[in-house]
C-alpha atoms as a PDB file:
ATOM      1  CA  MET A   1      46.107  63.566  40.182  1.00  0.00           C
ATOM      2  CA  ASP A   2      43.210  65.250  38.971  1.00  0.00           C
ATOM      3  CA  GLN A   3      40.165  64.301  41.073  1.00  0.00           C
ATOM      4  CA  ILE A   4      37.695  65.236  37.986  1.00  0.00           C
ATOM      5  CA  GLN A   5      39.640  62.838  35.716  1.00  0.00           C
ATOM      6  CA  SER A   6      39.785  59.634  38.180  1.00  0.00           C
ATOM      7  CA  ILE A   7      35.978  60.261  38.857  1.00  0.00           C
ATOM      8  CA  ARG A   8      35.090  60.120  34.979  1.00  0.00           C
ATOM      9  CA  VAL A   9      37.298  57.029  34.682  1.00  0.00           C
ATOM     10  CA  PHE A  10      35.183  55.576  37.812  1.00  0.00           C
ATOM     11  CA  ALA A  11      32.617  56.544  36.046  1.00  0.00           C
ATOM     12  CA  ARG A  12      33.274  54.737  32.565  1.00  0.00           C
ATOM     13  CA  VAL A  13      34.430  51.261  34.273  1.00  0.00           C
ATOM     14  CA  VAL A  14      31.034  51.195  35.907  1.00  0.00           C
ATOM     15  CA  GLU A  15      29.361  51.541  32.617  1.00  0.00           C
ATOM     16  CA  ALA A  16      31.896  49.683  30.355  1.00  0.00           C
ATOM     17  CA  GLY A  17      31.901  47.151  32.789  1.00  0.00           C
ATOM     18  CA  THR A  18      35.738  46.169  32.616  1.00  0.00           C
ATOM     19  CA  PHE A  19      38.887  48.408  32.714  1.00  0.00           C
ATOM     20  CA  THR A  20      39.815  47.155  29.502  1.00  0.00           C
ATOM     21  CA  LYS A  21      36.413  48.289  27.695  1.00  0.00           C
ATOM     22  CA  ALA A  22      36.942  51.498  29.570  1.00  0.00           C
ATOM     23  CA  ALA A  23      40.627  51.945  28.566  1.00  0.00           C
ATOM     24  CA  GLU A  24      39.638  51.753  25.046  1.00  0.00           C
ATOM     25  CA  SER A  25      36.799  53.630  25.357  1.00  0.00           C
ATOM     26  CA  LEU A  26      39.073  56.453  26.993  1.00  0.00           C
ATOM     27  CA  ASN A  27      41.641  55.773  24.670  1.00  0.00           C
ATOM     28  CA  LEU A  28      43.765  55.222  27.796  1.00  0.00           C
ATOM     29  CA  PRO A  29      46.615  52.757  28.962  1.00  0.00           C
ATOM     30  CA  LYS A  30      44.551  49.477  31.423  1.00  0.00           C
ATOM     31  CA  GLY A  31      47.637  50.663  33.781  1.00  0.00           C
ATOM     32  CA  THR A  32      46.424  54.235  34.051  1.00  0.00           C
ATOM     33  CA  VAL A  33      42.965  53.346  34.047  1.00  0.00           C
ATOM     34  CA  THR A  34      43.433  50.906  37.588  1.00  0.00           C
ATOM     35  CA  LYS A  35      45.586  53.386  38.856  1.00  0.00           C
ATOM     36  CA  LEU A  36      43.247  56.192  39.053  1.00  0.00           C
ATOM     37  CA  VAL A  37      40.297  54.130  40.113  1.00  0.00           C
ATOM     38  CA  GLN A  38      43.196  52.782  42.593  1.00  0.00           C
ATOM     39  CA  HIS A  39      44.103  56.645  43.858  1.00  0.00           C
ATOM     40  CA  LEU A  40      40.097  57.148  44.307  1.00  0.00           C
ATOM     41  CA  GLU A  41      39.442  54.796  46.332  1.00  0.00           C
ATOM     42  CA  SER A  42      42.588  55.788  48.657  1.00  0.00           C
ATOM     43  CA  ARG A  43      41.133  59.245  48.717  1.00  0.00           C
ATOM     44  CA  LEU A  44      37.482  57.912  49.667  1.00  0.00           C
ATOM     45  CA  LYS A  45      38.687  55.397  52.226  1.00  0.00           C
ATOM     46  CA  VAL A  46      36.293  52.798  50.582  1.00  0.00           C
ATOM     47  CA  LYS A  47      36.004  49.838  47.875  1.00  0.00           C
ATOM     48  CA  LEU A  48      34.392  51.487  44.844  1.00  0.00           C
ATOM     49  CA  LEU A  49      34.471  48.351  42.529  1.00  0.00           C
ATOM     50  CA  ASN A  50      35.028  44.382  43.279  1.00  0.00           C
ATOM     51  CA  ARG A  51      37.146  43.173  40.600  1.00  0.00           C
ATOM     52  CA  THR A  52      36.889  39.365  38.969  1.00  0.00           C
ATOM     53  CA  THR A  53      39.580  38.142  35.870  1.00  0.00           C
ATOM     54  CA  ARG A  54      36.228  38.673  33.837  1.00  0.00           C
ATOM     55  CA  ARG A  55      34.117  41.202  34.986  1.00  0.00           C
ATOM     56  CA  VAL A  56      34.258  44.084  37.401  1.00  0.00           C
ATOM     57  CA  THR A  57      30.977  44.574  39.803  1.00  0.00           C
ATOM     58  CA  VAL A  58      30.003  47.420  42.059  1.00  0.00           C
ATOM     59  CA  THR A  59      29.773  47.867  45.536  1.00  0.00           C
ATOM     60  CA  PRO A  60      26.830  48.945  47.297  1.00  0.00           C
ATOM     61  CA  ASP A  61      29.247  52.163  48.050  1.00  0.00           C
ATOM     62  CA  GLY A  62      30.086  52.061  44.670  1.00  0.00           C
ATOM     63  CA  ALA A  63      26.896  52.442  43.262  1.00  0.00           C
ATOM     64  CA  ALA A  64      26.170  55.011  45.332  1.00  0.00           C
ATOM     65  CA  TYR A  65      29.085  57.361  44.492  1.00  0.00           C
ATOM     66  CA  TYR A  66      28.242  56.722  40.912  1.00  0.00           C
ATOM     67  CA  GLU A  67      24.374  57.506  41.056  1.00  0.00           C
ATOM     68  CA  ARG A  68      25.905  61.376  42.620  1.00  0.00           C
ATOM     69  CA  THR A  69      29.130  61.482  41.063  1.00  0.00           C
ATOM     70  CA  VAL A  70      27.592  61.110  37.376  1.00  0.00           C
ATOM     71  CA  ARG A  71      24.946  63.965  37.548  1.00  0.00           C
ATOM     72  CA  VAL A  72      27.921  66.687  38.736  1.00  0.00           C
ATOM     73  CA  LEU A  73      29.532  65.331  35.553  1.00  0.00           C
ATOM     74  CA  ASN A  74      26.632  66.172  33.419  1.00  0.00           C
ATOM     75  CA  ASP A  75      26.373  69.584  34.841  1.00  0.00           C
ATOM     76  CA  LEU A  76      29.965  70.108  34.130  1.00  0.00           C
ATOM     77  CA  ASP A  77      29.264  68.836  30.367  1.00  0.00           C
ATOM     78  CA  ASP A  78      26.708  70.805  30.747  1.00  0.00           C
ATOM     79  CA  ILE A  79      28.237  74.430  31.797  1.00  0.00           C
ATOM     80  CA  GLU A  80      31.128  73.876  29.266  1.00  0.00           C
ATOM     81  CA  ALA A  81      28.782  73.033  26.108  1.00  0.00           C
ATOM     82  CA  SER A  82      27.008  76.020  27.205  1.00  0.00           C
ATOM     83  CA  MET A  83      30.191  78.141  26.533  1.00  0.00           C
ATOM     84  CA  THR A  84      31.366  76.585  24.020  1.00  0.00           C
ATOM     85  CA  ASN A  85      28.918  74.843  21.224  1.00  0.00           C
ATOM     86  CA  ALA A  86      28.002  77.825  20.052  1.00  0.00           C
ATOM     87  CA  GLN A  87      31.129  78.249  18.200  1.00  0.00           C
ATOM     88  CA  ALA A  88      32.304  74.406  18.171  1.00  0.00           C
ATOM     89  CA  LYS A  89      32.928  73.408  14.848  1.00  0.00           C
ATOM     90  CA  PRO A  90      31.667  69.799  14.767  1.00  0.00           C
ATOM     91  CA  SER A  91      34.983  67.407  14.302  1.00  0.00           C
ATOM     92  CA  GLY A  92      36.968  64.144  14.923  1.00  0.00           C
ATOM     93  CA  ARG A  93      35.935  60.376  14.444  1.00  0.00           C
ATOM     94  CA  LEU A  94      32.132  59.770  15.189  1.00  0.00           C
ATOM     95  CA  ARG A  95      31.274  55.825  15.605  1.00  0.00           C
ATOM     96  CA  VAL A  96      27.495  55.107  14.451  1.00  0.00           C
ATOM     97  CA  ASP A  97      25.785  51.702  14.074  1.00  0.00           C
ATOM     98  CA  VAL A  98      23.086  51.601  11.398  1.00  0.00           C
ATOM     99  CA  GLY A  99      20.400  48.830  10.678  1.00  0.00           C
ATOM    100  CA  THR A 100      21.303  47.155   7.206  1.00  0.00           C
ATOM    101  CA  SER A 101      18.397  48.734   5.283  1.00  0.00           C
ATOM    102  CA  VAL A 102      17.978  51.896   6.688  1.00  0.00           C
ATOM    103  CA  ALA A 103      22.128  52.599   5.700  1.00  0.00           C
ATOM    104  CA  ARG A 104      21.616  50.847   2.254  1.00  0.00           C
ATOM    105  CA  GLU A 105      18.119  52.929   1.167  1.00  0.00           C
ATOM    106  CA  ILE A 106      18.424  56.259   3.142  1.00  0.00           C
ATOM    107  CA  ILE A 107      21.892  57.017   5.086  1.00  0.00           C
ATOM    108  CA  ILE A 108      24.635  56.373   2.691  1.00  0.00           C
ATOM    109  CA  PRO A 109      23.410  57.729  -0.074  1.00  0.00           C
ATOM    110  CA  ALA A 110      23.051  60.971   1.871  1.00  0.00           C
ATOM    111  CA  LEU A 111      26.257  60.845   3.274  1.00  0.00           C
ATOM    112  CA  ALA A 112      27.693  63.350   0.774  1.00  0.00           C
ATOM    113  CA  ASP A 113      25.684  66.120   2.165  1.00  0.00           C
ATOM    114  CA  PHE A 114      26.773  65.423   5.577  1.00  0.00           C
ATOM    115  CA  PHE A 115      30.157  65.322   5.092  1.00  0.00           C
ATOM    116  CA  GLN A 116      29.782  68.833   2.962  1.00  0.00           C
ATOM    117  CA  ARG A 117      28.012  70.419   5.678  1.00  0.00           C
ATOM    118  CA  PHE A 118      30.497  68.712   8.343  1.00  0.00           C
ATOM    119  CA  PRO A 119      34.173  67.886   6.619  1.00  0.00           C
ATOM    120  CA  ASP A 120      36.065  67.606   9.692  1.00  0.00           C
ATOM    121  CA  ILE A 121      33.746  64.539  10.749  1.00  0.00           C
ATOM    122  CA  GLN A 122      35.375  61.419  10.496  1.00  0.00           C
ATOM    123  CA  LEU A 123      32.590  58.755  10.260  1.00  0.00           C
ATOM    124  CA  ASP A 124      32.955  55.294  11.606  1.00  0.00           C
ATOM    125  CA  LEU A 125      29.835  53.774  10.426  1.00  0.00           C
ATOM    126  CA  GLY A 126      28.703  49.779  11.354  1.00  0.00           C
ATOM    127  CA  VAL A 127      26.146  48.736   9.190  1.00  0.00           C
ATOM    128  CA  THR A 128      24.643  45.667  11.061  1.00  0.00           C
ATOM    129  CA  ASP A 129      21.217  44.260  12.362  1.00  0.00           C
ATOM    130  CA  ARG A 130      22.626  42.718  15.137  1.00  0.00           C
ATOM    131  CA  SER A 131      21.790  44.588  18.839  1.00  0.00           C
ATOM    132  CA  VAL A 132      25.088  47.017  19.855  1.00  0.00           C
ATOM    133  CA  ASP A 133      25.962  47.480  23.316  1.00  0.00           C
ATOM    134  CA  LEU A 134      27.190  51.038  22.891  1.00  0.00           C
ATOM    135  CA  LEU A 135      28.866  51.640  25.963  1.00  0.00           C
ATOM    136  CA  VAL A 136      30.911  48.164  25.970  1.00  0.00           C
ATOM    137  CA  ASP A 137      31.581  49.091  22.220  1.00  0.00           C
ATOM    138  CA  ASN A 138      32.252  52.132  22.445  1.00  0.00           C
ATOM    139  CA  VAL A 139      29.593  53.586  19.884  1.00  0.00           C
ATOM    140  CA  ASP A 140      28.097  56.913  20.119  1.00  0.00           C
ATOM    141  CA  CYS A 141      24.971  56.597  18.494  1.00  0.00           C
ATOM    142  CA  VAL A 142      22.762  54.096  17.283  1.00  0.00           C
ATOM    143  CA  ILE A 143      19.994  54.087  14.415  1.00  0.00           C
ATOM    144  CA  ARG A 144      17.599  51.281  15.376  1.00  0.00           C
ATOM    145  CA  GLY A 145      13.620  50.312  14.478  1.00  0.00           C
ATOM    146  CA  GLY A 146      11.472  48.971  17.551  1.00  0.00           C
ATOM    147  CA  GLU A 147      10.557  49.509  20.740  1.00  0.00           C
ATOM    148  CA  LEU A 148      13.372  50.070  22.950  1.00  0.00           C
ATOM    149  CA  VAL A 149      14.622  47.164  25.165  1.00  0.00           C
ATOM    150  CA  ASP A 150      17.117  49.191  27.556  1.00  0.00           C
ATOM    151  CA  GLN A 151      15.158  52.089  29.082  1.00  0.00           C
ATOM    152  CA  SER A 152      17.958  53.417  30.332  1.00  0.00           C
ATOM    153  CA  LEU A 153      19.158  54.959  27.221  1.00  0.00           C
ATOM    154  CA  VAL A 154      18.331  58.257  25.799  1.00  0.00           C
ATOM    155  CA  ALA A 155      16.731  57.944  22.431  1.00  0.00           C
ATOM    156  CA  ARG A 156      14.921  60.583  19.817  1.00  0.00           C
ATOM    157  CA  ARG A 157      12.270  59.294  17.602  1.00  0.00           C
ATOM    158  CA  VAL A 158      13.029  60.189  13.986  1.00  0.00           C
ATOM    159  CA  ALA A 159      10.573  58.738  11.948  1.00  0.00           C
ATOM    160  CA  ASN A 160       7.833  55.559  12.013  1.00  0.00           C
ATOM    161  CA  VAL A 161       8.400  52.894   9.711  1.00  0.00           C
ATOM    162  CA  PRO A 162       5.435  51.278   7.839  1.00  0.00           C
ATOM    163  CA  LEU A 163       5.362  47.507   6.115  1.00  0.00           C
ATOM    164  CA  ILE A 164       3.562  46.260   3.422  1.00  0.00           C
ATOM    165  CA  THR A 165       3.027  42.787   1.705  1.00  0.00           C
ATOM    166  CA  VAL A 166       4.621  41.722  -0.588  1.00  0.00           C
ATOM    167  CA  ALA A 167       5.506  38.983  -3.341  1.00  0.00           C
ATOM    168  CA  SER A 168       7.549  38.211  -6.505  1.00  0.00           C
ATOM    169  CA  PRO A 169       5.755  38.472  -9.956  1.00  0.00           C
ATOM    170  CA  ALA A 170       7.394  34.462 -10.260  1.00  0.00           C
ATOM    171  CA  TYR A 171       5.938  33.344  -6.848  1.00  0.00           C
ATOM    172  CA  LEU A 172       2.581  34.972  -7.584  1.00  0.00           C
ATOM    173  CA  LYS A 173       2.389  32.976 -10.751  1.00  0.00           C
ATOM    174  CA  ALA A 174       2.833  29.797  -9.515  1.00  0.00           C
ATOM    175  CA  HIS A 175       1.057  30.275  -6.112  1.00  0.00           C
ATOM    176  CA  GLY A 176      -1.560  32.940  -6.666  1.00  0.00           C
ATOM    177  CA  THR A 177      -2.238  35.618  -5.346  1.00  0.00           C
ATOM    178  CA  PRO A 178      -3.036  35.815  -1.480  1.00  0.00           C
ATOM    179  CA  THR A 179      -6.985  37.933  -0.753  1.00  0.00           C
ATOM    180  CA  HIS A 180      -6.821  37.608   2.769  1.00  0.00           C
ATOM    181  CA  PRO A 181      -4.247  37.252   5.546  1.00  0.00           C
ATOM    182  CA  GLU A 182      -5.529  33.519   7.187  1.00  0.00           C
ATOM    183  CA  GLN A 183      -4.461  32.310   4.007  1.00  0.00           C
ATOM    184  CA  LEU A 184      -1.017  32.944   4.280  1.00  0.00           C
ATOM    185  CA  GLU A 185      -1.407  30.256   6.914  1.00  0.00           C
ATOM    186  CA  GLU A 186      -2.401  27.425   4.878  1.00  0.00           C
ATOM    187  CA  GLU A 187      -2.253  27.912   1.235  1.00  0.00           C
ATOM    188  CA  HIS A 188       1.493  30.174   0.626  1.00  0.00           C
ATOM    189  CA  HIS A 189       4.678  30.069   2.171  1.00  0.00           C
ATOM    190  CA  MET A 190       6.233  32.949   4.052  1.00  0.00           C
ATOM    191  CA  VAL A 191       9.449  34.432   4.114  1.00  0.00           C
ATOM    192  CA  ASN A 192      10.213  35.607   7.778  1.00  0.00           C
ATOM    193  CA  HIS A 193      12.246  37.442   9.664  1.00  0.00           C
ATOM    194  CA  PHE A 194      13.774  36.918  12.978  1.00  0.00           C
ATOM    195  CA  SER A 195      15.231  38.846  15.797  1.00  0.00           C
ATOM    196  CA  THR A 196      19.012  38.929  15.691  1.00  0.00           C
ATOM    197  CA  ARG A 197      18.767  39.496  19.715  1.00  0.00           C
ATOM    198  CA  ASN A 198      16.453  36.779  20.963  1.00  0.00           C
ATOM    199  CA  GLY A 199      16.127  34.543  17.651  1.00  0.00           C
ATOM    200  CA  ARG A 200      12.317  34.762  18.082  1.00  0.00           C
ATOM    201  CA  PRO A 201      10.064  35.825  14.909  1.00  0.00           C
ATOM    202  CA  PHE A 202       8.767  38.799  13.662  1.00  0.00           C
ATOM    203  CA  SER A 203       4.779  38.617  13.349  1.00  0.00           C
ATOM    204  CA  ASN A 204       3.306  39.276  10.299  1.00  0.00           C
ATOM    205  CA  ALA A 205       0.559  41.866  11.748  1.00  0.00           C
ATOM    206  CA  PHE A 206      -2.358  43.021   9.442  1.00  0.00           C
ATOM    207  CA  ALA A 207      -5.238  45.356  10.293  1.00  0.00           C
ATOM    208  CA  LYS A 208      -8.383  46.635   8.756  1.00  0.00           C
ATOM    209  CA  ASP A 209     -11.817  48.067   9.571  1.00  0.00           C
ATOM    210  CA  GLY A 210     -11.240  47.529  13.133  1.00  0.00           C
ATOM    211  CA  GLU A 211      -9.978  43.887  12.872  1.00  0.00           C
ATOM    212  CA  ARG A 212      -6.304  42.992  13.401  1.00  0.00           C
ATOM    213  CA  LEU A 213      -4.491  39.623  12.954  1.00  0.00           C
ATOM    214  CA  GLU A 214      -1.170  38.396  13.602  1.00  0.00           C
ATOM    215  CA  ILE A 215       0.250  35.638  11.290  1.00  0.00           C
ATOM    216  CA  SER A 216       2.963  33.466  11.395  1.00  0.00           C
ATOM    217  CA  GLY A 217       2.209  31.636   8.032  1.00  0.00           C
ATOM    218  CA  ARG A 218       3.959  28.581   6.867  1.00  0.00           C
ATOM    219  CA  TYR A 219       7.946  29.295   6.065  1.00  0.00           C
ATOM    220  CA  LYS A 220      10.674  27.229   4.169  1.00  0.00           C
ATOM    221  CA  LEU A 221      13.097  30.427   4.990  1.00  0.00           C
ATOM    222  CA  SER A 222      13.415  32.506   7.548  1.00  0.00           C
ATOM    223  CA  VAL A 223      16.032  34.994   7.795  1.00  0.00           C
ATOM    224  CA  ASN A 224      17.604  37.837  10.610  1.00  0.00           C
ATOM    225  CA  GLU A 225      19.008  40.435   8.095  1.00  0.00           C
ATOM    226  CA  SER A 226      16.631  43.000   6.049  1.00  0.00           C
ATOM    227  CA  ASN A 227      18.300  43.043   3.052  1.00  0.00           C
ATOM    228  CA  ALA A 228      18.370  38.878   2.821  1.00  0.00           C
ATOM    229  CA  LEU A 229      14.708  39.488   3.341  1.00  0.00           C
ATOM    230  CA  THR A 230      14.437  41.649   0.265  1.00  0.00           C
ATOM    231  CA  ALA A 231      16.479  39.302  -1.621  1.00  0.00           C
ATOM    232  CA  ALA A 232      14.330  36.076  -0.677  1.00  0.00           C
ATOM    233  CA  VAL A 233      11.275  37.642  -1.830  1.00  0.00           C
ATOM    234  CA  LEU A 234      12.704  39.232  -5.346  1.00  0.00           C
ATOM    235  CA  ALA A 235      14.283  35.475  -5.732  1.00  0.00           C
ATOM    236  CA  GLY A 236      10.100  34.080  -5.171  1.00  0.00           C
ATOM    237  CA  LEU A 237      10.365  32.393  -2.252  1.00  0.00           C
ATOM    238  CA  GLY A 238       7.261  33.418  -0.310  1.00  0.00           C
ATOM    239  CA  VAL A 239       5.505  36.565   0.521  1.00  0.00           C
ATOM    240  CA  SER A 240       6.701  38.910   3.274  1.00  0.00           C
ATOM    241  CA  GLN A 241       6.489  42.342   4.966  1.00  0.00           C
ATOM    242  CA  ILE A 242       9.304  44.456   4.073  1.00  0.00           C
ATOM    243  CA  ALA A 243       9.879  48.522   5.047  1.00  0.00           C
ATOM    244  CA  THR A 244       7.871  50.421   2.025  1.00  0.00           C
ATOM    245  CA  VAL A 245      11.094  52.663   1.321  1.00  0.00           C
ATOM    246  CA  THR A 246      12.518  49.364   0.095  1.00  0.00           C
ATOM    247  CA  ALA A 247       9.433  47.867  -1.661  1.00  0.00           C
ATOM    248  CA  ARG A 248       8.575  50.970  -3.409  1.00  0.00           C
ATOM    249  CA  PRO A 249      11.257  51.244  -6.162  1.00  0.00           C
ATOM    250  CA  LEU A 250      10.718  47.852  -6.657  1.00  0.00           C
ATOM    251  CA  ILE A 251       7.613  47.497  -6.968  1.00  0.00           C
ATOM    252  CA  GLU A 252       7.727  50.449  -9.220  1.00  0.00           C
ATOM    253  CA  ARG A 253      10.330  48.737 -11.716  1.00  0.00           C
ATOM    254  CA  GLY A 254       8.077  45.732 -11.207  1.00  0.00           C
ATOM    255  CA  GLU A 255      10.486  43.272  -9.403  1.00  0.00           C
ATOM    256  CA  LEU A 256       7.974  42.958  -7.052  1.00  0.00           C
ATOM    257  CA  VAL A 257       3.976  43.171  -6.601  1.00  0.00           C
ATOM    258  CA  GLN A 258       2.511  44.491  -3.258  1.00  0.00           C
ATOM    259  CA  VAL A 259      -0.425  41.949  -2.067  1.00  0.00           C
ATOM    260  CA  LEU A 260      -3.196  42.491   0.406  1.00  0.00           C
ATOM    261  CA  SER A 261      -2.920  45.975   0.240  1.00  0.00           C
ATOM    262  CA  ASP A 262      -6.604  46.547   1.928  1.00  0.00           C
ATOM    263  CA  TRP A 263      -4.639  45.363   4.881  1.00  0.00           C
ATOM    264  CA  THR A 264      -2.675  47.650   6.491  1.00  0.00           C
ATOM    265  CA  GLY A 265       1.027  46.440   7.659  1.00  0.00           C
ATOM    266  CA  PRO A 266       2.515  47.421  10.685  1.00  0.00           C
ATOM    267  CA  VAL A 267       4.524  50.740  11.570  1.00  0.00           C
ATOM    268  CA  ILE A 268       8.010  50.172  13.113  1.00  0.00           C
ATOM    269  CA  PRO A 269       9.350  53.684  15.547  1.00  0.00           C
ATOM    270  CA  LEU A 270      12.869  54.154  14.460  1.00  0.00           C
ATOM    271  CA  TYR A 271      15.103  56.016  16.854  1.00  0.00           C
ATOM    272  CA  VAL A 272      18.716  57.919  17.360  1.00  0.00           C
ATOM    273  CA  VAL A 273      19.774  56.362  20.532  1.00  0.00           C
ATOM    274  CA  TYR A 274      23.107  57.280  22.658  1.00  0.00           C
ATOM    275  CA  PRO A 275      23.719  56.845  25.684  1.00  0.00           C
ATOM    276  CA  PRO A 276      22.118  58.754  28.581  1.00  0.00           C
ATOM    277  CA  ASN A 277      25.727  59.285  30.756  1.00  0.00           C
ATOM    278  CA  ARG A 278      28.208  61.054  28.109  1.00  0.00           C
ATOM    279  CA  HIS A 279      27.622  64.289  26.633  1.00  0.00           C
ATOM    280  CA  LEU A 280      26.338  64.984  23.334  1.00  0.00           C
ATOM    281  CA  SER A 281      29.212  66.175  21.810  1.00  0.00           C
ATOM    282  CA  ALA A 282      29.276  68.824  18.896  1.00  0.00           C
ATOM    283  CA  LYS A 283      29.804  65.982  16.207  1.00  0.00           C
ATOM    284  CA  VAL A 284      27.099  63.374  17.766  1.00  0.00           C
ATOM    285  CA  ARG A 285      24.395  66.424  18.312  1.00  0.00           C
ATOM    286  CA  ALA A 286      25.078  67.961  14.446  1.00  0.00           C
ATOM    287  CA  PHE A 287      24.335  64.029  13.252  1.00  0.00           C
ATOM    288  CA  VAL A 288      21.579  63.409  15.638  1.00  0.00           C
ATOM    289  CA  GLU A 289      20.362  66.656  14.058  1.00  0.00           C
ATOM    290  CA  TRP A 290      20.909  65.730  10.388  1.00  0.00           C
ATOM    291  CA  VAL A 291      19.204  62.326  10.771  1.00  0.00           C
ATOM    292  CA  ALA A 292      16.129  63.976  11.875  1.00  0.00           C
ATOM    293  CA  GLU A 293      16.164  66.537   9.277  1.00  0.00           C
ATOM    294  CA  LEU A 294      16.878  63.580   6.159  1.00  0.00           C
ATOM    295  CA  PHE A 295      13.880  61.321   7.594  1.00  0.00           C
ATOM    296  CA  SER A 296      11.715  64.199   7.444  1.00  0.00           C
ATOM    297  CA  GLN A 297      12.236  63.999   3.767  1.00  0.00           C
ATOM    298  CA  TYR A 298      10.129  60.793   3.396  1.00  0.00           C
ATOM    299  CA  PRO A 299       6.432  61.426   3.540  1.00  0.00           C
ATOM    300  CA  GLU A 300       6.087  58.147   3.978  1.00  0.00           C
ATOM    301  CA  MET A 301       8.024  58.103   7.205  1.00  0.00           C
ATOM    302  CA  SER A 302       6.293  61.027   8.809  1.00  0.00           C
ATOM    303  CA  ARG A 303       6.785  61.233  12.409  1.00  0.00           C
END
């Protein structure tokens, strides 16, 4: 059996956590994946993995072997890439996951340009605000806002997303216009946004002349998806902080009003993220560079 293939399969099982997920990501039968790992263990005369019915864990010998061989695999990929990438025409299926508001406001409206540049790429675009496990879910890259939780991933910062505080004209007519963030605690209703990862609410931050405030605010509604957040504010359910790129067109059409404009809202870093131990293929590289160029066209999201 091919030793390099056996090592690649072993590395993917370690990263995916199960033989089934590894087999799916490699487009191989599960039996083939199992047989290749068994062949590798037999050749090395050590046990690399502990198998259970639900999950695979790495033995101490397996962990040491993975750490050394994954560097070798990356070096091999880099050697091949240096020889072929100059002539490579990006093609094939590309799996990307994007947050809902970024997909709606920025990525999807620009995809015609992407497909014109790269006609041989087939894009599977997952649109969700939930956290995605790139290895387990077999995703090539994700675009996500906020500070990174998993420091093992490779991330390229492509933009900063400023948030501004807004409300609908109907809400302001009924409840008045706040002039200080602290009024949101007692005199107004917020529409809050909570994390899909841990269920915790995101704070509403305000800064002015060196003063910084974090306001929880009274709320009747809290949502975990950015499009729903915007819809709730449009429906007059309260005050909230939403991305400038989403809010500006709505403000220009008179559907929303910016409030507390003399206070600066938070700025959310936006990243393109991909796994560290997968070679950055021509199609992934093409998408990452296109995304970076796309966001550079938005002055309010300057990097």
